[in-house]
Amino acid sequence: MKIIRCAALAAALALLPIVLLTSAAYSQGKTAPKDAKLYFITPQDGQKVRGGFWVRFGLRNMGVTHAGDDYQNAGHHHLLVDVNDPIDTKEPIPQDKSHLHFGAGQTETLLELPPGTHTLQLVLGDAKHYPFDPPVVSDKITVRVRQPGSVRRR
C-alpha cells in the first residue's frame, strides 16, 4: 500500500509542472486578429485641451466586453497616461493612476489632468487584464492641458 501511495505521489509531482505551465500560458495574453486596430477618436495628437476633456476610444476588427468576460476576439480598454515602459504581454496591465482600467466595457471617459504636456496610449486587455499577443495598442498621442482660465493667443 505504501508503494502505491509513493507511486501516486511521484506521478502527481511529475505532472505538477505541466499543470502550472498550462495554467500560466492560459492567463497570458491571447492572440488577436492581425488587422485589429485600436485608436483615439478624440483628442487628436498634439491637441490643446482645457480642464477635464473627453477621451473617446475606437476599435476595429475586435469587440469590446467587460473584464472577466472571456469572449473570442474581444477585450476591454486600458488608458495609459504618461507611461513610457514597454508593454509586457506576460504580465497583467497594472492598475494605478497611470494605468486606467475600463472593465465595464466603457469606450470613453472624462479625463482630468494637471496643466502641462501628457502622453496617452490605449491598450486592449483580455478577460484577466493581460495584453493580447501581439499587443493591441494605439499610437501614443500627446496632449497639452492648459491652465484653467488661460486665454488663447491668436
N, C-alpha and C. Protein backbone atom coordinates (compact mmCIF):
# COMPACT_ATOMS: atom_id res chain seq x y z
N MET A 1 0.82 -1.20 0.00
CA MET A 1 0.00 0.00 0.00
C MET A 1 0.87 1.26 0.00
N LYS A 2 1.98 1.21 0.78
CA LYS A 2 2.88 2.36 0.81
C LYS A 2 3.50 2.60 -0.56
N ILE A 3 3.81 1.54 -1.26
CA ILE A 3 4.43 1.67 -2.58
C ILE A 3 3.46 2.35 -3.55
N ILE A 4 2.18 2.00 -3.48
CA ILE A 4 1.17 2.60 -4.36
C ILE A 4 1.04 4.09 -4.06
N ARG A 5 0.98 4.44 -2.76
CA ARG A 5 0.87 5.86 -2.38
C ARG A 5 2.09 6.64 -2.85
N CYS A 6 3.27 6.08 -2.69
CA CYS A 6 4.50 6.75 -3.14
C CYS A 6 4.50 6.92 -4.66
N ALA A 7 4.04 5.91 -5.38
CA ALA A 7 3.99 6.00 -6.83
C ALA A 7 2.98 7.06 -7.27
N ALA A 8 1.84 7.12 -6.59
CA ALA A 8 0.83 8.13 -6.92
C ALA A 8 1.36 9.53 -6.64
N LEU A 9 2.05 9.69 -5.52
CA LEU A 9 2.63 10.99 -5.18
C LEU A 9 3.69 11.39 -6.19
N ALA A 10 4.53 10.45 -6.59
CA ALA A 10 5.57 10.74 -7.58
C ALA A 10 4.96 11.15 -8.92
N ALA A 11 3.88 10.47 -9.32
CA ALA A 11 3.21 10.80 -10.57
C ALA A 11 2.59 12.20 -10.50
N ALA A 12 1.97 12.52 -9.37
CA ALA A 12 1.37 13.84 -9.19
C ALA A 12 2.43 14.93 -9.24
N LEU A 13 3.55 14.70 -8.59
CA LEU A 13 4.63 15.69 -8.60
C LEU A 13 5.23 15.83 -9.99
N ALA A 14 5.28 14.74 -10.74
CA ALA A 14 5.82 14.81 -12.10
C ALA A 14 4.90 15.63 -13.02
N LEU A 15 3.60 15.56 -12.80
CA LEU A 15 2.64 16.29 -13.64
C LEU A 15 2.45 17.75 -13.22
N LEU A 16 2.85 18.10 -12.01
CA LEU A 16 2.64 19.45 -11.49
C LEU A 16 3.22 20.54 -12.40
N PRO A 17 4.46 20.42 -12.89
CA PRO A 17 4.97 21.48 -13.77
C PRO A 17 4.13 21.67 -15.04
N ILE A 18 3.60 20.59 -15.59
CA ILE A 18 2.78 20.69 -16.79
C ILE A 18 1.49 21.45 -16.49
N VAL A 19 0.86 21.15 -15.36
CA VAL A 19 -0.36 21.84 -14.97
C VAL A 19 -0.08 23.32 -14.74
N LEU A 20 1.00 23.64 -14.06
CA LEU A 20 1.35 25.03 -13.78
C LEU A 20 1.67 25.79 -15.06
N LEU A 21 2.41 25.19 -15.97
CA LEU A 21 2.75 25.86 -17.22
C LEU A 21 1.51 26.09 -18.08
N THR A 22 0.62 25.11 -18.13
CA THR A 22 -0.61 25.26 -18.89
C THR A 22 -1.46 26.38 -18.32
N SER A 23 -1.58 26.44 -17.00
CA SER A 23 -2.35 27.49 -16.35
C SER A 23 -1.74 28.85 -16.61
N ALA A 24 -0.41 28.97 -16.53
CA ALA A 24 0.26 30.25 -16.77
C ALA A 24 0.09 30.68 -18.21
N ALA A 25 0.17 29.75 -19.14
CA ALA A 25 0.03 30.09 -20.55
C ALA A 25 -1.38 30.60 -20.83
N TYR A 26 -2.38 30.01 -20.18
CA TYR A 26 -3.75 30.47 -20.40
C TYR A 26 -3.93 31.89 -19.91
N SER A 27 -3.29 32.24 -18.79
CA SER A 27 -3.52 33.55 -18.21
C SER A 27 -2.74 34.64 -18.92
N GLN A 28 -1.83 34.28 -19.81
CA GLN A 28 -1.10 35.30 -20.56
C GLN A 28 -1.94 35.74 -21.75
N GLY A 29 -1.52 36.84 -22.37
CA GLY A 29 -2.30 37.44 -23.44
C GLY A 29 -2.70 36.46 -24.53
N LYS A 30 -3.93 36.58 -24.96
CA LYS A 30 -4.43 35.75 -26.05
C LYS A 30 -4.08 36.40 -27.37
N THR A 31 -4.13 35.61 -28.43
CA THR A 31 -3.81 36.17 -29.74
C THR A 31 -4.97 37.03 -30.23
N ALA A 32 -4.62 38.06 -30.98
CA ALA A 32 -5.60 38.98 -31.55
C ALA A 32 -5.52 38.90 -33.07
N PRO A 33 -6.61 39.24 -33.75
CA PRO A 33 -6.55 39.28 -35.21
C PRO A 33 -5.46 40.25 -35.68
N LYS A 34 -4.80 39.91 -36.76
CA LYS A 34 -3.70 40.75 -37.26
C LYS A 34 -4.19 42.13 -37.70
N ASP A 35 -5.47 42.23 -38.08
CA ASP A 35 -5.98 43.51 -38.56
C ASP A 35 -6.70 44.31 -37.47
N ALA A 36 -6.54 43.91 -36.21
CA ALA A 36 -7.15 44.67 -35.11
C ALA A 36 -6.48 46.04 -35.01
N LYS A 37 -7.29 47.06 -34.79
CA LYS A 37 -6.75 48.42 -34.70
C LYS A 37 -7.42 49.16 -33.55
N LEU A 38 -6.60 49.69 -32.66
CA LEU A 38 -7.06 50.49 -31.52
C LEU A 38 -6.58 51.92 -31.74
N TYR A 39 -7.47 52.88 -31.53
CA TYR A 39 -7.11 54.27 -31.85
C TYR A 39 -7.93 55.24 -31.01
N PHE A 40 -7.50 56.50 -31.02
CA PHE A 40 -8.23 57.57 -30.36
C PHE A 40 -9.16 58.24 -31.37
N ILE A 41 -10.43 58.36 -31.01
CA ILE A 41 -11.36 59.16 -31.79
C ILE A 41 -11.12 60.63 -31.44
N THR A 42 -11.00 60.89 -30.16
CA THR A 42 -10.68 62.21 -29.65
C THR A 42 -9.98 62.05 -28.31
N PRO A 43 -9.01 62.86 -27.98
CA PRO A 43 -8.47 64.01 -28.68
C PRO A 43 -7.52 63.58 -29.80
N GLN A 44 -7.13 64.53 -30.60
CA GLN A 44 -6.15 64.31 -31.66
C GLN A 44 -4.75 64.52 -31.11
N ASP A 45 -3.78 63.91 -31.74
CA ASP A 45 -2.38 64.09 -31.34
C ASP A 45 -2.01 65.57 -31.44
N GLY A 46 -1.40 66.10 -30.37
CA GLY A 46 -0.96 67.49 -30.34
C GLY A 46 -2.04 68.48 -29.94
N GLN A 47 -3.24 68.00 -29.67
CA GLN A 47 -4.35 68.90 -29.35
C GLN A 47 -4.13 69.59 -28.01
N LYS A 48 -4.56 70.85 -27.93
CA LYS A 48 -4.55 71.61 -26.68
C LYS A 48 -5.94 71.49 -26.07
N VAL A 49 -5.99 71.12 -24.80
CA VAL A 49 -7.27 70.91 -24.11
C VAL A 49 -7.27 71.72 -22.83
N ARG A 50 -8.45 71.90 -22.27
CA ARG A 50 -8.58 72.67 -21.05
C ARG A 50 -9.36 71.85 -20.03
N GLY A 51 -8.89 71.85 -18.78
CA GLY A 51 -9.63 71.19 -17.70
C GLY A 51 -9.90 69.73 -18.02
N GLY A 52 -11.09 69.27 -17.63
CA GLY A 52 -11.49 67.91 -17.98
C GLY A 52 -11.82 67.85 -19.46
N PHE A 53 -11.40 66.79 -20.11
CA PHE A 53 -11.66 66.65 -21.55
C PHE A 53 -12.06 65.21 -21.83
N TRP A 54 -12.87 65.05 -22.87
CA TRP A 54 -13.34 63.72 -23.24
C TRP A 54 -12.28 62.98 -24.04
N VAL A 55 -12.11 61.72 -23.67
CA VAL A 55 -11.25 60.81 -24.43
C VAL A 55 -12.18 59.70 -24.93
N ARG A 56 -12.24 59.53 -26.25
CA ARG A 56 -13.09 58.50 -26.85
C ARG A 56 -12.22 57.49 -27.58
N PHE A 57 -12.52 56.20 -27.32
CA PHE A 57 -11.69 55.11 -27.83
C PHE A 57 -12.34 54.49 -29.06
N GLY A 58 -11.53 54.14 -30.04
CA GLY A 58 -12.01 53.45 -31.23
C GLY A 58 -11.32 52.09 -31.36
N LEU A 59 -12.06 51.10 -31.87
CA LEU A 59 -11.53 49.75 -32.04
C LEU A 59 -12.14 49.14 -33.29
N ARG A 60 -11.29 48.57 -34.15
CA ARG A 60 -11.76 47.89 -35.36
C ARG A 60 -11.35 46.42 -35.33
N ASN A 61 -12.22 45.57 -35.85
CA ASN A 61 -11.97 44.14 -36.06
C ASN A 61 -11.82 43.34 -34.77
N MET A 62 -12.29 43.90 -33.67
CA MET A 62 -12.42 43.19 -32.40
C MET A 62 -13.62 43.80 -31.69
N GLY A 63 -14.05 43.14 -30.61
CA GLY A 63 -15.18 43.65 -29.85
C GLY A 63 -14.76 44.14 -28.48
N VAL A 64 -15.65 44.92 -27.86
CA VAL A 64 -15.42 45.42 -26.51
C VAL A 64 -16.37 44.68 -25.58
N THR A 65 -15.84 44.21 -24.45
CA THR A 65 -16.63 43.48 -23.48
C THR A 65 -16.17 43.86 -22.07
N HIS A 66 -16.80 43.29 -21.07
CA HIS A 66 -16.43 43.54 -19.68
C HIS A 66 -15.19 42.73 -19.30
N ALA A 67 -14.42 43.25 -18.35
CA ALA A 67 -13.33 42.46 -17.77
C ALA A 67 -13.96 41.21 -17.16
N GLY A 68 -13.30 40.09 -17.30
CA GLY A 68 -13.83 38.84 -16.78
C GLY A 68 -14.62 38.05 -17.81
N ASP A 69 -15.14 38.72 -18.84
CA ASP A 69 -15.86 38.03 -19.92
C ASP A 69 -14.84 37.52 -20.93
N ASP A 70 -14.80 36.22 -21.12
CA ASP A 70 -13.76 35.60 -21.93
C ASP A 70 -14.30 35.23 -23.31
N TYR A 71 -14.56 36.25 -24.14
CA TYR A 71 -15.05 36.02 -25.49
C TYR A 71 -13.90 36.07 -26.49
N GLN A 72 -14.03 35.30 -27.56
CA GLN A 72 -13.05 35.30 -28.64
C GLN A 72 -12.98 36.69 -29.27
N ASN A 73 -11.78 37.19 -29.53
CA ASN A 73 -11.56 38.47 -30.23
C ASN A 73 -12.27 39.65 -29.58
N ALA A 74 -12.30 39.68 -28.25
CA ALA A 74 -12.90 40.80 -27.53
C ALA A 74 -12.09 41.07 -26.27
N GLY A 75 -12.11 42.31 -25.85
CA GLY A 75 -11.40 42.70 -24.63
C GLY A 75 -11.94 44.01 -24.11
N HIS A 76 -11.23 44.60 -23.17
CA HIS A 76 -11.65 45.89 -22.61
C HIS A 76 -10.47 46.86 -22.62
N HIS A 77 -10.80 48.14 -22.57
CA HIS A 77 -9.80 49.19 -22.74
C HIS A 77 -9.02 49.49 -21.46
N HIS A 78 -7.78 49.90 -21.66
CA HIS A 78 -6.91 50.46 -20.62
C HIS A 78 -6.29 51.72 -21.22
N LEU A 79 -6.29 52.79 -20.45
CA LEU A 79 -5.71 54.05 -20.89
C LEU A 79 -4.44 54.31 -20.09
N LEU A 80 -3.32 54.41 -20.79
CA LEU A 80 -2.03 54.67 -20.15
C LEU A 80 -1.74 56.16 -20.25
N VAL A 81 -1.50 56.78 -19.10
CA VAL A 81 -1.23 58.22 -19.03
C VAL A 81 0.21 58.41 -18.60
N ASP A 82 1.00 59.04 -19.46
CA ASP A 82 2.41 59.34 -19.17
C ASP A 82 3.21 58.08 -18.82
N VAL A 83 2.96 56.98 -19.53
CA VAL A 83 3.67 55.72 -19.32
C VAL A 83 4.67 55.52 -20.45
N ASN A 84 5.92 55.28 -20.10
CA ASN A 84 6.96 55.06 -21.11
C ASN A 84 7.47 53.62 -21.13
N ASP A 85 7.08 52.82 -20.13
CA ASP A 85 7.54 51.43 -20.06
C ASP A 85 6.93 50.61 -21.20
N PRO A 86 7.69 49.65 -21.73
CA PRO A 86 7.13 48.77 -22.77
C PRO A 86 6.02 47.89 -22.19
N ILE A 87 5.15 47.43 -23.06
CA ILE A 87 4.04 46.56 -22.64
C ILE A 87 4.54 45.13 -22.56
N ASP A 88 4.29 44.49 -21.43
CA ASP A 88 4.71 43.11 -21.20
C ASP A 88 3.49 42.20 -21.32
N THR A 89 3.44 41.38 -22.37
CA THR A 89 2.28 40.51 -22.58
C THR A 89 2.21 39.36 -21.58
N LYS A 90 3.26 39.17 -20.80
CA LYS A 90 3.26 38.08 -19.81
C LYS A 90 2.79 38.54 -18.44
N GLU A 91 2.47 39.82 -18.30
CA GLU A 91 2.01 40.38 -17.02
C GLU A 91 0.69 41.11 -17.24
N PRO A 92 -0.21 41.06 -16.23
CA PRO A 92 -1.44 41.85 -16.37
C PRO A 92 -1.10 43.34 -16.36
N ILE A 93 -1.93 44.12 -17.00
CA ILE A 93 -1.73 45.56 -17.04
C ILE A 93 -1.95 46.08 -15.62
N PRO A 94 -1.00 46.86 -15.08
CA PRO A 94 -1.18 47.36 -13.71
C PRO A 94 -2.42 48.25 -13.61
N GLN A 95 -2.88 48.45 -12.39
CA GLN A 95 -3.99 49.38 -12.16
C GLN A 95 -3.52 50.41 -11.15
N ASP A 96 -3.29 51.63 -11.64
CA ASP A 96 -2.86 52.74 -10.80
C ASP A 96 -3.23 54.04 -11.49
N LYS A 97 -2.72 55.17 -11.00
CA LYS A 97 -3.13 56.47 -11.56
C LYS A 97 -2.64 56.67 -12.99
N SER A 98 -1.68 55.86 -13.44
CA SER A 98 -1.18 55.97 -14.81
C SER A 98 -1.73 54.89 -15.74
N HIS A 99 -2.34 53.86 -15.18
CA HIS A 99 -2.92 52.74 -15.94
C HIS A 99 -4.40 52.66 -15.56
N LEU A 100 -5.25 53.29 -16.34
CA LEU A 100 -6.68 53.37 -16.02
C LEU A 100 -7.43 52.23 -16.71
N HIS A 101 -8.21 51.49 -15.92
CA HIS A 101 -8.94 50.32 -16.42
C HIS A 101 -10.39 50.70 -16.71
N PHE A 102 -10.92 50.18 -17.80
CA PHE A 102 -12.30 50.40 -18.18
C PHE A 102 -12.97 49.04 -18.33
N GLY A 103 -13.06 48.32 -17.21
CA GLY A 103 -13.52 46.95 -17.18
C GLY A 103 -15.01 46.76 -17.35
N ALA A 104 -15.78 47.84 -17.40
CA ALA A 104 -17.22 47.71 -17.63
C ALA A 104 -17.55 47.86 -19.12
N GLY A 105 -16.51 47.85 -19.95
CA GLY A 105 -16.73 47.95 -21.39
C GLY A 105 -16.88 49.38 -21.89
N GLN A 106 -16.45 50.36 -21.07
CA GLN A 106 -16.58 51.76 -21.48
C GLN A 106 -15.70 52.05 -22.70
N THR A 107 -16.18 52.99 -23.51
CA THR A 107 -15.43 53.40 -24.71
C THR A 107 -15.13 54.89 -24.70
N GLU A 108 -15.32 55.54 -23.55
CA GLU A 108 -14.98 56.95 -23.40
C GLU A 108 -14.86 57.28 -21.92
N THR A 109 -14.17 58.39 -21.65
CA THR A 109 -14.03 58.86 -20.27
C THR A 109 -13.79 60.36 -20.27
N LEU A 110 -14.20 61.01 -19.20
CA LEU A 110 -13.88 62.42 -18.98
C LEU A 110 -12.62 62.43 -18.13
N LEU A 111 -11.52 62.87 -18.71
CA LEU A 111 -10.20 62.78 -18.07
C LEU A 111 -9.78 64.13 -17.52
N GLU A 112 -9.35 64.14 -16.27
CA GLU A 112 -8.83 65.34 -15.62
C GLU A 112 -7.33 65.16 -15.44
N LEU A 113 -6.55 66.06 -16.03
CA LEU A 113 -5.10 66.02 -15.88
C LEU A 113 -4.60 67.40 -15.49
N PRO A 114 -3.49 67.48 -14.76
CA PRO A 114 -2.94 68.78 -14.41
C PRO A 114 -2.39 69.48 -15.65
N PRO A 115 -2.28 70.81 -15.60
CA PRO A 115 -1.71 71.54 -16.74
C PRO A 115 -0.33 71.01 -17.11
N GLY A 116 -0.06 71.01 -18.40
CA GLY A 116 1.23 70.53 -18.91
C GLY A 116 1.05 69.60 -20.08
N THR A 117 2.14 68.99 -20.51
CA THR A 117 2.14 68.07 -21.64
C THR A 117 2.04 66.64 -21.12
N HIS A 118 1.14 65.87 -21.71
CA HIS A 118 0.91 64.49 -21.27
C HIS A 118 0.82 63.57 -22.49
N THR A 119 1.21 62.30 -22.30
CA THR A 119 1.04 61.30 -23.34
C THR A 119 -0.10 60.36 -22.96
N LEU A 120 -0.81 59.89 -23.97
CA LEU A 120 -1.92 58.95 -23.80
C LEU A 120 -1.72 57.80 -24.78
N GLN A 121 -2.01 56.58 -24.31
CA GLN A 121 -1.97 55.41 -25.18
C GLN A 121 -3.02 54.42 -24.70
N LEU A 122 -3.69 53.78 -25.63
CA LEU A 122 -4.69 52.76 -25.32
C LEU A 122 -4.08 51.37 -25.48
N VAL A 123 -4.48 50.46 -24.59
CA VAL A 123 -4.08 49.05 -24.68
C VAL A 123 -5.33 48.22 -24.45
N LEU A 124 -5.57 47.22 -25.29
CA LEU A 124 -6.71 46.33 -25.10
C LEU A 124 -6.27 45.15 -24.25
N GLY A 125 -7.02 44.88 -23.19
CA GLY A 125 -6.71 43.76 -22.30
C GLY A 125 -7.74 42.65 -22.44
N ASP A 126 -7.31 41.43 -22.13
CA ASP A 126 -8.23 40.29 -22.18
C ASP A 126 -9.05 40.21 -20.89
N ALA A 127 -9.75 39.11 -20.69
CA ALA A 127 -10.63 38.96 -19.53
C ALA A 127 -9.89 39.12 -18.20
N LYS A 128 -8.60 38.80 -18.19
CA LYS A 128 -7.82 38.86 -16.95
C LYS A 128 -6.82 40.03 -16.95
N HIS A 129 -7.05 41.01 -17.79
CA HIS A 129 -6.23 42.24 -17.86
C HIS A 129 -4.85 42.03 -18.49
N TYR A 130 -4.64 40.93 -19.17
CA TYR A 130 -3.37 40.73 -19.88
C TYR A 130 -3.50 41.36 -21.26
N PRO A 131 -2.44 42.00 -21.76
CA PRO A 131 -2.49 42.49 -23.14
C PRO A 131 -2.57 41.30 -24.09
N PHE A 132 -3.15 41.51 -25.25
CA PHE A 132 -3.15 40.46 -26.27
C PHE A 132 -1.73 40.30 -26.79
N ASP A 133 -1.49 39.20 -27.49
CA ASP A 133 -0.15 38.93 -28.01
C ASP A 133 -0.27 38.65 -29.51
N PRO A 134 0.20 39.52 -30.38
CA PRO A 134 0.90 40.76 -30.07
C PRO A 134 -0.07 41.78 -29.48
N PRO A 135 0.46 42.77 -28.74
CA PRO A 135 -0.42 43.75 -28.08
C PRO A 135 -1.25 44.54 -29.08
N VAL A 136 -2.50 44.77 -28.72
CA VAL A 136 -3.38 45.65 -29.50
C VAL A 136 -3.31 47.01 -28.81
N VAL A 137 -2.56 47.93 -29.42
CA VAL A 137 -2.31 49.23 -28.81
C VAL A 137 -2.55 50.34 -29.84
N SER A 138 -2.87 51.50 -29.33
CA SER A 138 -3.00 52.67 -30.19
C SER A 138 -1.63 53.31 -30.36
N ASP A 139 -1.53 54.23 -31.30
CA ASP A 139 -0.37 55.10 -31.33
C ASP A 139 -0.39 55.92 -30.05
N LYS A 140 0.77 56.30 -29.57
CA LYS A 140 0.85 57.19 -28.41
C LYS A 140 0.63 58.61 -28.91
N ILE A 141 -0.26 59.34 -28.24
CA ILE A 141 -0.50 60.73 -28.61
C ILE A 141 -0.09 61.65 -27.47
N THR A 142 0.10 62.92 -27.82
CA THR A 142 0.45 63.94 -26.83
C THR A 142 -0.65 64.98 -26.80
N VAL A 143 -1.04 65.38 -25.59
CA VAL A 143 -1.99 66.48 -25.42
C VAL A 143 -1.36 67.52 -24.51
N ARG A 144 -1.75 68.76 -24.72
CA ARG A 144 -1.29 69.85 -23.85
C ARG A 144 -2.49 70.36 -23.08
N VAL A 145 -2.44 70.20 -21.77
CA VAL A 145 -3.52 70.68 -20.91
C VAL A 145 -3.18 72.10 -20.48
N ARG A 146 -4.08 73.02 -20.78
CA ARG A 146 -3.87 74.43 -20.44
C ARG A 146 -4.30 74.71 -19.01
N GLN A 147 -3.76 75.80 -18.49
CA GLN A 147 -4.19 76.30 -17.18
C GLN A 147 -5.67 76.67 -17.27
N PRO A 148 -6.44 76.42 -16.22
CA PRO A 148 -7.84 76.87 -16.25
C PRO A 148 -7.90 78.38 -16.41
N GLY A 149 -8.78 78.84 -17.28
CA GLY A 149 -8.96 80.27 -17.48
C GLY A 149 -7.91 80.93 -18.34
N SER A 150 -6.98 80.14 -18.91
CA SER A 150 -5.95 80.74 -19.76
C SER A 150 -6.58 81.23 -21.07
N VAL A 151 -6.03 82.30 -21.59
CA VAL A 151 -6.56 82.91 -22.81
C VAL A 151 -5.79 82.38 -24.00
N ARG A 152 -6.51 82.07 -25.04
CA ARG A 152 -5.90 81.54 -26.27
C ARG A 152 -5.35 82.71 -27.09
N ARG A 153 -4.07 82.66 -27.44
CA ARG A 153 -3.46 83.71 -28.26
C ARG A 153 -3.63 83.37 -29.72
N ARG A 154 -3.84 84.40 -30.52
CA ARG A 154 -4.02 84.18 -31.96
C ARG A 154 -2.86 84.71 -32.71
